Amino acid sequence: NQTWDFIEKEDRNPDEDEMMVHCAHTSRYHWGIVGVSLNFQRGDWILSRVYTILKRGSEALHYAKLCMKHTEENNIKDFDLAYAYEALARSYAAAEDKTNFEKYNNLAKEAGDKIEKKQNREIFKNDLKTGNWFGLK
């Protein structure tokens, strides 16, 4: 997915930032047509991540909440549950809401500890340590 190419690019310019947003929305749109609940959940997660990277907290939070809605309504667990909490924690950090950041960061850590596959658990824990936490971590 081209969205990841933009996410991983360290020196994006403003036009590339906008293309990253468009790519994420396009991906979510297409998965919304042909995908299943897990695809919807992951699509909303990546939108939340993109908006967090761009320091657009309210938009990040909107998609993090949608991600969690799909997670809860479809009883999605393990790796994806941990990332749903991570999206909320990171979005609340971007929105400068320390109380909710702490709540969801703790839930993310707890869910991360329960990820069944060791490799996935390690990937998640590394992701939780990295990235912009807007001074709250």
N, C-alpha and C. Protein backbone atom coordinates (compact mmCIF):
# COMPACT_ATOMS: atom_id res chain seq x y z
N ASN A 1 0.86 -1.18 0.00
CA ASN A 1 0.00 0.00 0.00
C ASN A 1 0.90 1.24 0.00
N GLN A 2 0.65 2.12 -0.91
CA GLN A 2 1.51 3.31 -1.06
C GLN A 2 1.49 4.20 0.18
N THR A 3 0.45 4.09 0.96
CA THR A 3 0.39 4.87 2.20
C THR A 3 1.62 4.60 3.05
N TRP A 4 2.02 3.33 3.14
CA TRP A 4 3.19 2.99 3.96
C TRP A 4 4.47 3.61 3.42
N ASP A 5 4.57 3.71 2.11
CA ASP A 5 5.76 4.36 1.54
C ASP A 5 5.87 5.80 2.03
N PHE A 6 4.74 6.49 2.08
CA PHE A 6 4.75 7.87 2.59
C PHE A 6 5.00 7.91 4.09
N ILE A 7 4.37 7.00 4.84
CA ILE A 7 4.56 6.96 6.29
C ILE A 7 6.03 6.79 6.63
N GLU A 8 6.69 5.90 5.92
CA GLU A 8 8.09 5.58 6.23
C GLU A 8 9.09 6.58 5.66
N LYS A 9 8.63 7.48 4.82
CA LYS A 9 9.53 8.48 4.24
C LYS A 9 9.76 9.58 5.27
N GLU A 10 11.01 9.82 5.60
CA GLU A 10 11.34 10.76 6.67
C GLU A 10 11.30 12.22 6.24
N ASP A 11 11.45 12.49 4.98
CA ASP A 11 11.54 13.88 4.53
C ASP A 11 10.42 14.23 3.55
N ARG A 12 9.18 13.91 3.95
CA ARG A 12 8.04 14.24 3.09
C ARG A 12 7.87 15.75 3.00
N ASN A 13 7.46 16.21 1.84
CA ASN A 13 7.11 17.62 1.69
C ASN A 13 5.59 17.75 1.85
N PRO A 14 5.05 18.96 1.93
CA PRO A 14 3.61 19.13 2.13
C PRO A 14 2.74 18.45 1.06
N ASP A 15 3.19 18.44 -0.18
CA ASP A 15 2.43 17.75 -1.22
C ASP A 15 2.38 16.24 -0.97
N GLU A 16 3.50 15.70 -0.50
CA GLU A 16 3.53 14.26 -0.18
C GLU A 16 2.68 13.95 1.04
N ASP A 17 2.62 14.88 1.99
CA ASP A 17 1.72 14.69 3.14
C ASP A 17 0.28 14.56 2.66
N GLU A 18 -0.12 15.42 1.74
CA GLU A 18 -1.48 15.35 1.21
C GLU A 18 -1.71 14.07 0.42
N MET A 19 -0.71 13.65 -0.33
CA MET A 19 -0.84 12.39 -1.07
C MET A 19 -0.97 11.20 -0.12
N MET A 20 -0.27 11.26 1.02
CA MET A 20 -0.39 10.22 2.02
C MET A 20 -1.83 10.12 2.52
N VAL A 21 -2.45 11.26 2.77
CA VAL A 21 -3.85 11.29 3.20
C VAL A 21 -4.74 10.69 2.12
N HIS A 22 -4.54 11.12 0.88
CA HIS A 22 -5.37 10.61 -0.21
C HIS A 22 -5.20 9.10 -0.38
N CYS A 23 -3.98 8.62 -0.28
CA CYS A 23 -3.74 7.18 -0.42
C CYS A 23 -4.44 6.40 0.69
N ALA A 24 -4.36 6.90 1.91
CA ALA A 24 -5.00 6.21 3.03
C ALA A 24 -6.52 6.18 2.85
N HIS A 25 -7.10 7.29 2.44
CA HIS A 25 -8.55 7.32 2.22
C HIS A 25 -8.95 6.42 1.05
N THR A 26 -8.15 6.40 0.01
CA THR A 26 -8.45 5.55 -1.15
C THR A 26 -8.41 4.09 -0.75
N SER A 27 -7.40 3.71 0.01
CA SER A 27 -7.29 2.33 0.48
C SER A 27 -8.50 1.95 1.33
N ARG A 28 -8.87 2.82 2.26
CA ARG A 28 -10.02 2.54 3.13
C ARG A 28 -11.30 2.45 2.31
N TYR A 29 -11.45 3.31 1.34
CA TYR A 29 -12.64 3.28 0.47
C TYR A 29 -12.75 1.94 -0.24
N HIS A 30 -11.67 1.50 -0.85
CA HIS A 30 -11.71 0.24 -1.60
C HIS A 30 -11.95 -0.95 -0.68
N TRP A 31 -11.31 -0.97 0.48
CA TRP A 31 -11.56 -2.06 1.42
C TRP A 31 -12.99 -2.01 1.94
N GLY A 32 -13.56 -0.82 2.01
CA GLY A 32 -14.95 -0.69 2.43
C GLY A 32 -15.92 -1.34 1.46
N ILE A 33 -15.50 -1.46 0.22
CA ILE A 33 -16.35 -2.09 -0.80
C ILE A 33 -16.13 -3.60 -0.85
N VAL A 34 -14.88 -4.03 -0.84
CA VAL A 34 -14.60 -5.45 -1.06
C VAL A 34 -14.13 -6.20 0.19
N GLY A 35 -13.90 -5.50 1.27
CA GLY A 35 -13.30 -6.13 2.44
C GLY A 35 -14.30 -6.67 3.44
N VAL A 36 -13.74 -7.09 4.55
CA VAL A 36 -14.52 -7.57 5.70
C VAL A 36 -14.20 -6.67 6.89
N SER A 37 -14.83 -6.94 8.02
CA SER A 37 -14.70 -6.06 9.18
C SER A 37 -13.25 -5.80 9.58
N LEU A 38 -12.39 -6.79 9.48
CA LEU A 38 -10.99 -6.59 9.85
C LEU A 38 -10.32 -5.58 8.91
N ASN A 39 -10.67 -5.60 7.64
CA ASN A 39 -10.12 -4.62 6.69
C ASN A 39 -10.61 -3.21 7.03
N PHE A 40 -11.88 -3.09 7.45
CA PHE A 40 -12.41 -1.78 7.83
C PHE A 40 -11.67 -1.26 9.05
N GLN A 41 -11.46 -2.15 10.01
CA GLN A 41 -10.77 -1.78 11.24
C GLN A 41 -9.36 -1.31 10.94
N ARG A 42 -8.65 -2.06 10.13
CA ARG A 42 -7.27 -1.70 9.79
C ARG A 42 -7.21 -0.44 8.93
N GLY A 43 -8.18 -0.25 8.07
CA GLY A 43 -8.24 0.96 7.25
C GLY A 43 -8.43 2.20 8.10
N ASP A 44 -9.30 2.10 9.11
CA ASP A 44 -9.49 3.23 10.01
C ASP A 44 -8.26 3.44 10.88
N TRP A 45 -7.58 2.34 11.24
CA TRP A 45 -6.35 2.48 12.02
C TRP A 45 -5.31 3.28 11.23
N ILE A 46 -5.11 2.94 9.95
CA ILE A 46 -4.07 3.63 9.19
C ILE A 46 -4.44 5.09 8.96
N LEU A 47 -5.73 5.39 8.81
CA LEU A 47 -6.13 6.79 8.71
C LEU A 47 -5.79 7.53 10.00
N SER A 48 -6.03 6.89 11.12
CA SER A 48 -5.68 7.50 12.40
C SER A 48 -4.18 7.74 12.48
N ARG A 49 -3.40 6.78 12.05
CA ARG A 49 -1.94 6.92 12.09
C ARG A 49 -1.48 8.07 11.19
N VAL A 50 -2.02 8.15 10.00
CA VAL A 50 -1.64 9.22 9.06
C VAL A 50 -1.94 10.59 9.67
N TYR A 51 -3.13 10.74 10.21
CA TYR A 51 -3.49 12.04 10.78
C TYR A 51 -2.67 12.34 12.04
N THR A 52 -2.30 11.32 12.78
CA THR A 52 -1.42 11.53 13.94
C THR A 52 -0.05 12.03 13.47
N ILE A 53 0.49 11.39 12.46
CA ILE A 53 1.79 11.80 11.92
C ILE A 53 1.75 13.27 11.50
N LEU A 54 0.62 13.69 10.95
CA LEU A 54 0.47 15.06 10.48
C LEU A 54 0.04 16.03 11.58
N LYS A 55 -0.03 15.52 12.81
CA LYS A 55 -0.38 16.33 13.98
C LYS A 55 -1.77 16.94 13.85
N ARG A 56 -2.68 16.16 13.29
CA ARG A 56 -4.07 16.57 13.14
C ARG A 56 -4.89 15.71 14.09
N GLY A 57 -4.80 16.08 15.38
CA GLY A 57 -5.34 15.27 16.46
C GLY A 57 -6.82 14.95 16.37
N SER A 58 -7.66 15.91 16.03
CA SER A 58 -9.10 15.64 16.00
C SER A 58 -9.44 14.63 14.91
N GLU A 59 -8.80 14.73 13.76
CA GLU A 59 -9.04 13.77 12.69
C GLU A 59 -8.48 12.40 13.06
N ALA A 60 -7.31 12.39 13.67
CA ALA A 60 -6.73 11.13 14.13
C ALA A 60 -7.66 10.44 15.11
N LEU A 61 -8.19 11.20 16.03
CA LEU A 61 -9.08 10.65 17.05
C LEU A 61 -10.37 10.12 16.42
N HIS A 62 -10.90 10.82 15.45
CA HIS A 62 -12.11 10.36 14.76
C HIS A 62 -11.90 8.96 14.20
N TYR A 63 -10.80 8.74 13.50
CA TYR A 63 -10.56 7.44 12.89
C TYR A 63 -10.13 6.39 13.91
N ALA A 64 -9.46 6.79 14.97
CA ALA A 64 -9.12 5.85 16.04
C ALA A 64 -10.40 5.33 16.70
N LYS A 65 -11.36 6.21 16.90
CA LYS A 65 -12.65 5.78 17.49
C LYS A 65 -13.40 4.85 16.55
N LEU A 66 -13.36 5.14 15.25
CA LEU A 66 -13.99 4.22 14.29
C LEU A 66 -13.28 2.87 14.29
N CYS A 67 -11.97 2.89 14.38
CA CYS A 67 -11.19 1.66 14.46
C CYS A 67 -11.64 0.83 15.67
N MET A 68 -11.77 1.48 16.82
CA MET A 68 -12.20 0.77 18.02
C MET A 68 -13.64 0.29 17.89
N LYS A 69 -14.49 1.06 17.25
CA LYS A 69 -15.88 0.65 17.03
C LYS A 69 -15.92 -0.66 16.24
N HIS A 70 -15.17 -0.74 15.15
CA HIS A 70 -15.11 -1.99 14.37
C HIS A 70 -14.52 -3.12 15.21
N THR A 71 -13.54 -2.80 16.02
CA THR A 71 -12.89 -3.80 16.87
C THR A 71 -13.89 -4.40 17.85
N GLU A 72 -14.62 -3.54 18.53
CA GLU A 72 -15.58 -4.01 19.54
C GLU A 72 -16.78 -4.72 18.91
N GLU A 73 -17.33 -4.14 17.85
CA GLU A 73 -18.52 -4.71 17.23
C GLU A 73 -18.26 -6.07 16.59
N ASN A 74 -17.03 -6.33 16.22
CA ASN A 74 -16.69 -7.58 15.54
C ASN A 74 -15.82 -8.50 16.38
N ASN A 75 -15.69 -8.17 17.66
CA ASN A 75 -14.94 -8.99 18.60
C ASN A 75 -13.53 -9.30 18.08
N ILE A 76 -12.89 -8.27 17.54
CA ILE A 76 -11.53 -8.41 17.02
C ILE A 76 -10.56 -8.38 18.21
N LYS A 77 -9.66 -9.31 18.26
CA LYS A 77 -8.76 -9.46 19.41
C LYS A 77 -7.30 -9.43 18.97
N ASP A 78 -6.45 -9.79 19.93
CA ASP A 78 -5.03 -10.02 19.71
C ASP A 78 -4.33 -8.77 19.15
N PHE A 79 -3.53 -8.96 18.14
CA PHE A 79 -2.72 -7.93 17.50
C PHE A 79 -3.54 -6.69 17.16
N ASP A 80 -4.70 -6.89 16.55
CA ASP A 80 -5.51 -5.77 16.09
C ASP A 80 -6.18 -5.03 17.24
N LEU A 81 -6.53 -5.71 18.30
CA LEU A 81 -7.06 -5.03 19.49
C LEU A 81 -5.99 -4.14 20.10
N ALA A 82 -4.79 -4.65 20.21
CA ALA A 82 -3.69 -3.86 20.77
C ALA A 82 -3.46 -2.60 19.93
N TYR A 83 -3.49 -2.75 18.62
CA TYR A 83 -3.30 -1.58 17.75
C TYR A 83 -4.47 -0.61 17.80
N ALA A 84 -5.67 -1.09 18.06
CA ALA A 84 -6.81 -0.18 18.22
C ALA A 84 -6.59 0.69 19.45
N TYR A 85 -6.12 0.09 20.54
CA TYR A 85 -5.80 0.88 21.74
C TYR A 85 -4.64 1.84 21.47
N GLU A 86 -3.65 1.36 20.73
CA GLU A 86 -2.51 2.22 20.38
C GLU A 86 -2.97 3.43 19.59
N ALA A 87 -3.89 3.22 18.65
CA ALA A 87 -4.41 4.34 17.85
C ALA A 87 -5.09 5.37 18.73
N LEU A 88 -5.88 4.89 19.69
CA LEU A 88 -6.54 5.83 20.60
C LEU A 88 -5.51 6.56 21.46
N ALA A 89 -4.55 5.84 21.99
CA ALA A 89 -3.52 6.47 22.83
C ALA A 89 -2.76 7.53 22.05
N ARG A 90 -2.33 7.18 20.86
CA ARG A 90 -1.54 8.11 20.05
C ARG A 90 -2.39 9.31 19.62
N SER A 91 -3.64 9.07 19.30
CA SER A 91 -4.53 10.15 18.89
C SER A 91 -4.83 11.10 20.04
N TYR A 92 -5.06 10.53 21.22
CA TYR A 92 -5.27 11.40 22.38
C TYR A 92 -4.01 12.19 22.70
N ALA A 93 -2.85 11.59 22.49
CA ALA A 93 -1.60 12.34 22.67
C ALA A 93 -1.53 13.50 21.69
N ALA A 94 -1.89 13.24 20.43
CA ALA A 94 -1.88 14.30 19.42
C ALA A 94 -2.88 15.40 19.74
N ALA A 95 -3.98 15.00 20.40
CA ALA A 95 -5.01 15.97 20.79
C ALA A 95 -4.71 16.62 22.14
N GLU A 96 -3.55 16.29 22.72
CA GLU A 96 -3.09 16.85 23.99
C GLU A 96 -4.04 16.54 25.15
N ASP A 97 -4.59 15.32 25.14
CA ASP A 97 -5.48 14.85 26.20
C ASP A 97 -4.72 13.80 27.01
N LYS A 98 -4.02 14.26 28.04
CA LYS A 98 -3.13 13.38 28.81
C LYS A 98 -3.89 12.27 29.54
N THR A 99 -5.05 12.59 30.09
CA THR A 99 -5.81 11.59 30.84
C THR A 99 -6.19 10.40 29.96
N ASN A 100 -6.78 10.68 28.81
CA ASN A 100 -7.17 9.59 27.91
C ASN A 100 -5.96 8.94 27.26
N PHE A 101 -4.91 9.71 27.00
CA PHE A 101 -3.67 9.10 26.50
C PHE A 101 -3.21 8.02 27.47
N GLU A 102 -3.12 8.36 28.77
CA GLU A 102 -2.64 7.40 29.76
C GLU A 102 -3.54 6.17 29.83
N LYS A 103 -4.85 6.39 29.81
CA LYS A 103 -5.81 5.28 29.86
C LYS A 103 -5.58 4.31 28.70
N TYR A 104 -5.55 4.83 27.49
CA TYR A 104 -5.44 3.95 26.32
C TYR A 104 -4.03 3.44 26.10
N ASN A 105 -3.03 4.16 26.55
CA ASN A 105 -1.66 3.65 26.50
C ASN A 105 -1.53 2.43 27.41
N ASN A 106 -2.12 2.51 28.60
CA ASN A 106 -2.09 1.35 29.51
C ASN A 106 -2.86 0.17 28.92
N LEU A 107 -4.03 0.44 28.33
CA LEU A 107 -4.79 -0.64 27.70
C LEU A 107 -4.02 -1.24 26.52
N ALA A 108 -3.32 -0.41 25.78
CA ALA A 108 -2.50 -0.91 24.66
C ALA A 108 -1.39 -1.83 25.18
N LYS A 109 -0.73 -1.41 26.26
CA LYS A 109 0.33 -2.25 26.84
C LYS A 109 -0.23 -3.59 27.30
N GLU A 110 -1.38 -3.56 27.99
CA GLU A 110 -2.00 -4.80 28.47
C GLU A 110 -2.38 -5.71 27.31
N ALA A 111 -3.00 -5.14 26.29
CA ALA A 111 -3.39 -5.94 25.13
C ALA A 111 -2.15 -6.46 24.39
N GLY A 112 -1.11 -5.64 24.34
CA GLY A 112 0.12 -6.05 23.69
C GLY A 112 0.77 -7.25 24.37
N ASP A 113 0.70 -7.27 25.70
CA ASP A 113 1.26 -8.40 26.44
C ASP A 113 0.53 -9.71 26.14
N LYS A 114 -0.70 -9.61 25.66
CA LYS A 114 -1.52 -10.79 25.40
C LYS A 114 -1.49 -11.24 23.94
N ILE A 115 -0.73 -10.55 23.10
CA ILE A 115 -0.64 -10.96 21.69
C ILE A 115 -0.01 -12.35 21.64
N GLU A 116 -0.71 -13.26 20.97
CA GLU A 116 -0.31 -14.67 21.00
C GLU A 116 1.05 -14.94 20.37
N LYS A 117 1.26 -14.49 19.15
CA LYS A 117 2.52 -14.79 18.46
C LYS A 117 3.62 -13.87 18.97
N LYS A 118 4.74 -14.47 19.35
CA LYS A 118 5.86 -13.71 19.90
C LYS A 118 6.34 -12.63 18.94
N GLN A 119 6.48 -12.96 17.66
CA GLN A 119 6.98 -11.99 16.68
C GLN A 119 6.03 -10.79 16.59
N ASN A 120 4.73 -11.04 16.54
CA ASN A 120 3.76 -9.95 16.49
C ASN A 120 3.78 -9.12 17.77
N ARG A 121 3.96 -9.80 18.90
CA ARG A 121 4.03 -9.11 20.19
C ARG A 121 5.24 -8.17 20.22
N GLU A 122 6.38 -8.65 19.72
CA GLU A 122 7.59 -7.83 19.70
C GLU A 122 7.45 -6.65 18.74
N ILE A 123 6.84 -6.88 17.59
CA ILE A 123 6.60 -5.78 16.64
C ILE A 123 5.74 -4.71 17.29
N PHE A 124 4.67 -5.15 17.94
CA PHE A 124 3.77 -4.19 18.59
C PHE A 124 4.49 -3.41 19.68
N LYS A 125 5.20 -4.11 20.53
CA LYS A 125 5.89 -3.42 21.63
C LYS A 125 6.91 -2.41 21.11
N ASN A 126 7.59 -2.74 20.03
CA ASN A 126 8.52 -1.79 19.43
C ASN A 126 7.77 -0.58 18.87
N ASP A 127 6.66 -0.82 18.19
CA ASP A 127 5.86 0.29 17.66
C ASP A 127 5.36 1.19 18.78
N LEU A 128 5.00 0.59 19.90
CA LEU A 128 4.49 1.37 21.03
C LEU A 128 5.58 2.26 21.63
N LYS A 129 6.83 1.88 21.46
CA LYS A 129 7.95 2.67 21.99
C LYS A 129 8.38 3.79 21.05
N THR A 130 8.01 3.69 19.78
CA THR A 130 8.53 4.63 18.78
C THR A 130 7.46 5.60 18.30
N GLY A 131 7.88 6.52 17.49
CA GLY A 131 6.95 7.49 16.91
C GLY A 131 6.73 8.69 17.81
N ASN A 132 5.92 9.58 17.34
CA ASN A 132 5.65 10.82 18.05
C ASN A 132 4.54 10.61 19.08
N TRP A 133 4.87 10.84 20.33
CA TRP A 133 3.88 10.77 21.41
C TRP A 133 3.63 12.17 21.98
N PHE A 134 4.06 13.18 21.27
CA PHE A 134 3.75 14.57 21.58
C PHE A 134 4.10 14.96 23.01
N GLY A 135 5.23 14.42 23.48
CA GLY A 135 5.73 14.76 24.80
C GLY A 135 5.02 14.09 25.95
N LEU A 136 4.09 13.19 25.69
CA LEU A 136 3.35 12.53 26.77
C LEU A 136 3.95 11.19 27.17
N LYS A 137 4.97 10.76 26.47
CA LYS A 137 5.59 9.47 26.80
C LYS A 137 7.04 9.66 27.13
